[in-house]
């Protein structure tokens, strides 16, 4: 199992997960020219969580330049005006096979139309939890081996930035209602069975409202497994 990060920030998000035989792309927010090492014939599909450009703006190029199909919610497809051809609609809590990969989409909390997270089972039976751009996850997942989860900010850092006026009150409200906070990430991890967890990836850290070293240390202490911070573009 290999996870490769091509971007994980408000400038663009895209990840590739591979089991050695085939790969699954997560998000289409990175220019394909920056993904020249990808063997596109081995990619079984691309999952897109929601409509914001840093997660979806290169979906049209992906469809035109590769043979990779896109999988996303009907609401996201409509907002992005993606064609019906080679765009496959996903419905929350309805499992779907993509090649030998099994995908369970689930609804998340974000300020867009039908955002999704994904619980993914690889052909080699690894179980990956992928969730970004949400402030809360109401579900529990069995047997997670790899967790790819947003850890965007810490409320104490955000409040300090509001006090020193580097972050405005309006932006603070939006961040709180659209992104995963450090303590909420910890609560989510504690509520799930992580006895099989092999590694954790922290996604989409805020440039101003996060502390990479602190977040990594605290999550690693909680899980007892390696923790990696996905870098921005």
Protein backbone atom coordinates (compact mmCIF):
# COMPACT_ATOMS: atom_id res chain seq x y z
CA UNK A 1 0.00 0.00 0.00
CA UNK A 2 1.45 3.32 -1.07
CA UNK A 3 0.00 6.80 -0.64
CA UNK A 4 1.41 9.67 -2.71
CA UNK A 5 0.49 13.31 -2.12
CA UNK A 6 0.46 15.72 -5.06
CA UNK A 7 -1.10 18.58 -3.13
CA UNK A 8 -2.93 19.13 0.14
CA UNK A 9 -3.86 22.76 0.68
CA UNK A 10 -6.25 25.48 -0.42
CA UNK A 11 -4.10 25.79 -3.57
CA UNK A 12 -4.91 22.26 -4.70
CA UNK A 13 -5.54 18.73 -3.49
CA UNK A 14 -4.82 15.39 -5.11
CA UNK A 15 -3.64 12.00 -3.85
CA UNK A 16 -2.89 8.63 -5.39
CA UNK A 17 -3.24 5.39 -3.47
CA UNK A 18 -1.82 2.18 -4.91
CA UNK A 19 -1.78 -1.47 -3.91
CA UNK A 20 1.01 -2.30 -6.36
CA UNK A 21 -1.28 -3.55 -9.12
CA UNK A 22 -3.76 -0.70 -9.56
CA UNK A 23 -4.29 2.82 -8.22
CA UNK A 24 -7.16 5.05 -7.15
CA UNK A 25 -6.98 8.84 -7.46
CA UNK A 26 -8.51 11.05 -4.77
CA UNK A 27 -9.44 14.62 -5.77
CA UNK A 28 -8.65 16.45 -8.99
CA UNK A 29 -7.34 19.78 -7.74
CA UNK A 30 -3.81 19.54 -9.19
CA UNK A 31 -2.72 20.25 -12.75
CA UNK A 32 -2.03 16.95 -14.51
CA UNK A 33 1.30 18.32 -15.72
CA UNK A 34 2.47 18.02 -12.12
CA UNK A 35 1.52 14.34 -12.10
CA UNK A 36 3.73 13.15 -14.94
CA UNK A 37 4.96 10.13 -12.99
CA UNK A 38 1.45 8.62 -12.87
CA UNK A 39 0.84 5.51 -14.97
CA UNK A 40 -2.69 6.46 -15.97
CA UNK A 41 -3.52 3.05 -17.43
CA UNK A 42 -3.31 1.60 -13.91
CA UNK A 43 -5.69 4.17 -12.37
CA UNK A 44 -9.16 2.67 -11.94
CA UNK A 45 -10.95 5.95 -11.17
CA UNK A 46 -10.88 9.34 -9.48
CA UNK A 47 -13.03 10.14 -6.45
CA UNK A 48 -13.96 13.80 -5.89
CA UNK A 49 -15.34 14.88 -2.52
CA UNK A 50 -16.96 18.19 -3.49
CA UNK A 51 -17.13 21.10 -5.89
CA UNK A 52 -14.56 23.57 -4.54
CA UNK A 53 -11.87 24.24 -7.11
CA UNK A 54 -8.96 23.13 -4.97
CA UNK A 55 -10.49 19.64 -5.08
CA UNK A 56 -12.07 19.55 -8.54
CA UNK A 57 -10.80 22.17 -11.00
CA UNK A 58 -8.88 19.68 -13.18
CA UNK A 59 -11.68 17.12 -13.45
CA UNK A 60 -12.52 18.15 -17.02
CA UNK A 61 -8.87 17.85 -18.05
CA UNK A 62 -8.67 14.44 -16.42
CA UNK A 63 -11.61 13.24 -18.50
CA UNK A 64 -10.22 14.71 -21.73
CA UNK A 65 -6.57 13.74 -21.35
CA UNK A 66 -6.78 10.31 -19.70
CA UNK A 67 -9.04 7.28 -19.70
CA UNK A 68 -9.82 7.73 -15.99
CA UNK A 69 -13.50 7.97 -15.02
CA UNK A 70 -14.66 10.38 -12.31
CA UNK A 71 -16.82 9.33 -9.34
CA UNK A 72 -18.62 11.96 -7.28
CA UNK A 73 -22.04 12.90 -5.94
CA UNK A 74 -24.78 13.98 -8.33
CA UNK A 75 -24.86 17.37 -6.62
CA UNK A 76 -21.14 17.91 -7.21
CA UNK A 77 -21.44 16.75 -10.82
CA UNK A 78 -24.21 19.26 -11.48
CA UNK A 79 -22.40 22.21 -9.90
CA UNK A 80 -19.23 21.42 -11.87
CA UNK A 81 -21.24 20.83 -15.06
CA UNK A 82 -19.46 17.55 -15.67
CA UNK A 83 -20.75 15.37 -18.52
CA UNK A 84 -22.75 12.21 -17.90
CA UNK A 85 -20.32 10.22 -20.04
CA UNK A 86 -17.57 8.73 -17.82
CA UNK A 87 -18.80 10.53 -14.71
CA UNK A 88 -20.33 8.05 -12.30
CA UNK A 89 -22.69 9.32 -9.58
CA UNK A 90 -22.12 8.20 -6.00
CA UNK A 91 -24.78 8.13 -3.29
CA UNK A 92 -23.94 8.35 0.39
CA UNK A 93 -23.97 4.95 2.16
CA UNK A 94 -24.40 3.01 -1.10
CA UNK A 95 -21.37 0.82 -1.67
CA UNK A 96 -19.82 0.70 -5.13
CA UNK A 97 -17.13 -1.37 -6.83
CA UNK A 98 -14.50 0.34 -8.96
CA UNK A 99 -12.48 -2.42 -10.50
CA UNK A 100 -11.29 -4.51 -7.55
CA UNK A 101 -11.66 -1.57 -5.16
CA UNK A 102 -14.74 -1.20 -2.93
CA UNK A 103 -15.94 2.31 -2.09
CA UNK A 104 -18.42 3.34 0.60
CA UNK A 105 -19.23 7.05 0.20
CA UNK A 106 -20.59 8.84 3.26
CA UNK A 107 -22.04 12.29 3.80
CA UNK A 108 -19.96 14.94 5.58
CA UNK A 109 -20.58 18.47 6.83
CA UNK A 110 -19.37 21.26 4.53
CA UNK A 111 -20.78 24.38 2.89
CA UNK A 112 -21.37 22.81 -0.54
CA UNK A 113 -23.86 20.62 -2.41
CA UNK A 114 -23.64 16.91 -1.42
CA UNK A 115 -20.05 16.63 -0.10
CA UNK A 116 -18.72 13.13 0.51
CA UNK A 117 -16.04 11.25 2.38
CA UNK A 118 -14.89 7.78 1.37
CA UNK A 119 -14.25 4.48 3.16
CA UNK A 120 -12.14 2.49 0.74
CA UNK A 121 -11.21 -1.18 0.69
CA UNK A 122 -8.26 -2.00 -1.53
CA UNK A 123 -7.89 -5.23 -3.53
CA UNK A 124 -5.43 -6.38 -0.83
CA UNK A 125 -8.04 -5.69 1.90
CA UNK A 126 -6.51 -2.57 3.39
CA UNK A 127 -9.17 -0.14 4.65
CA UNK A 128 -8.63 3.57 4.07
CA UNK A 129 -10.67 6.34 5.65
CA UNK A 130 -10.52 9.51 3.53
CA UNK A 131 -12.20 12.66 4.82
CA UNK A 132 -11.43 16.30 4.15
CA UNK A 133 -13.23 19.65 4.28
CA UNK A 134 -15.68 18.71 7.01
CA UNK A 135 -16.08 19.85 10.60
CA UNK A 136 -17.71 16.63 11.84
CA UNK A 137 -18.05 12.95 10.93
CA UNK A 138 -21.05 11.20 12.44
CA UNK A 139 -20.12 7.65 11.42
CA UNK A 140 -17.81 5.00 12.84
CA UNK A 141 -15.74 2.71 10.63
CA UNK A 142 -14.47 -0.83 11.32
CA UNK A 143 -10.91 -2.01 10.84
CA UNK A 144 -9.29 1.19 9.52
CA UNK A 145 -5.70 0.47 8.44
CA UNK A 146 -4.88 3.85 6.88
CA UNK A 147 -6.45 7.13 7.91
CA UNK A 148 -6.28 10.15 5.59
CA UNK A 149 -8.01 12.90 7.49
CA UNK A 150 -8.14 16.68 7.47
CA UNK A 151 -6.58 18.39 10.49
CA UNK A 152 -6.97 21.97 9.35
CA UNK A 153 -6.58 24.09 12.47
CA UNK A 154 -6.47 24.33 16.23
CA UNK A 155 -9.04 26.54 17.92
CA UNK A 156 -6.45 28.12 20.25
CA UNK A 157 -4.27 29.17 17.30
CA UNK A 158 -7.33 30.42 15.41
CA UNK A 159 -8.50 32.48 18.41
CA UNK A 160 -5.04 33.98 18.83
CA UNK A 161 -5.03 34.97 15.15
CA UNK A 162 -8.43 36.63 15.60
CA UNK A 163 -7.11 38.54 18.62
CA UNK A 164 -4.10 39.83 16.71
CA UNK A 165 -6.34 40.55 13.70
CA UNK A 166 -4.56 38.30 11.21
CA UNK A 167 -7.86 36.41 10.83
CA UNK A 168 -11.22 38.16 10.68
CA UNK A 169 -14.34 37.13 12.58
CA UNK A 170 -16.17 36.15 9.37
CA UNK A 171 -13.35 33.84 8.27
CA UNK A 172 -13.24 32.32 11.75
CA UNK A 173 -16.93 31.42 11.54
CA UNK A 174 -16.47 29.85 8.12
CA UNK A 175 -13.45 27.83 9.21
CA UNK A 176 -15.31 26.46 12.23
CA UNK A 177 -18.28 25.42 10.08
CA UNK A 178 -16.30 23.88 7.24
CA UNK A 179 -13.04 22.31 8.46
CA UNK A 180 -11.84 19.67 10.92
CA UNK A 181 -10.23 21.01 14.12
CA UNK A 182 -7.44 19.19 15.98
CA UNK A 183 -9.48 18.24 19.06
CA UNK A 184 -12.38 17.08 16.88
CA UNK A 185 -9.99 14.88 14.91
CA UNK A 186 -8.80 13.34 18.19
CA UNK A 187 -12.39 12.71 19.27
CA UNK A 188 -13.13 11.03 15.95
CA UNK A 189 -10.08 8.78 16.24
CA UNK A 190 -10.98 7.80 19.80
CA UNK A 191 -14.53 6.88 18.74
CA UNK A 192 -13.31 4.42 16.10
CA UNK A 193 -11.64 1.03 16.30
CA UNK A 194 -8.04 1.78 15.36
CA UNK A 195 -6.54 -1.50 16.56
CA UNK A 196 -5.49 -2.31 12.98
CA UNK A 197 -4.31 1.22 12.14
CA UNK A 198 -0.93 1.24 10.38
CA UNK A 199 -0.49 4.93 9.62
CA UNK A 200 -2.24 8.29 9.64
CA UNK A 201 -2.00 11.11 7.12
CA UNK A 202 -3.00 14.62 8.22
CA UNK A 203 -4.45 16.56 5.30
CA UNK A 204 -5.13 20.17 4.37
CA UNK A 205 -3.38 21.95 7.26
CA UNK A 206 -4.10 25.67 7.32
CA UNK A 207 -1.14 27.92 6.54
CA UNK A 208 -2.00 30.28 9.41
CA UNK A 209 -4.05 28.30 11.92
CA UNK A 210 -2.08 25.08 12.34
CA UNK A 211 1.18 23.84 13.85
CA UNK A 212 2.54 20.90 11.86
CA UNK A 213 4.96 19.60 14.50
CA UNK A 214 2.42 19.87 17.30
CA UNK A 215 -0.37 18.20 15.30
CA UNK A 216 1.89 15.33 14.26
CA UNK A 217 3.16 14.79 17.81
CA UNK A 218 -0.29 14.81 19.39
CA UNK A 219 -1.91 12.49 16.85
CA UNK A 220 1.06 10.13 16.96
CA UNK A 221 0.81 9.98 20.77
CA UNK A 222 -2.87 9.14 20.44
CA UNK A 223 -2.60 6.44 17.76
CA UNK A 224 0.81 4.96 18.54
CA UNK A 225 1.42 4.68 14.79
CA UNK A 226 3.43 6.72 12.25
CA UNK A 227 1.84 10.04 11.34
CA UNK A 228 2.60 11.90 8.12
CA UNK A 229 1.69 15.46 7.24
CA UNK A 230 0.55 15.90 3.64
CA UNK A 231 2.33 18.89 2.15
CA UNK A 232 0.66 21.70 0.28
CA UNK A 233 1.49 22.52 -3.33
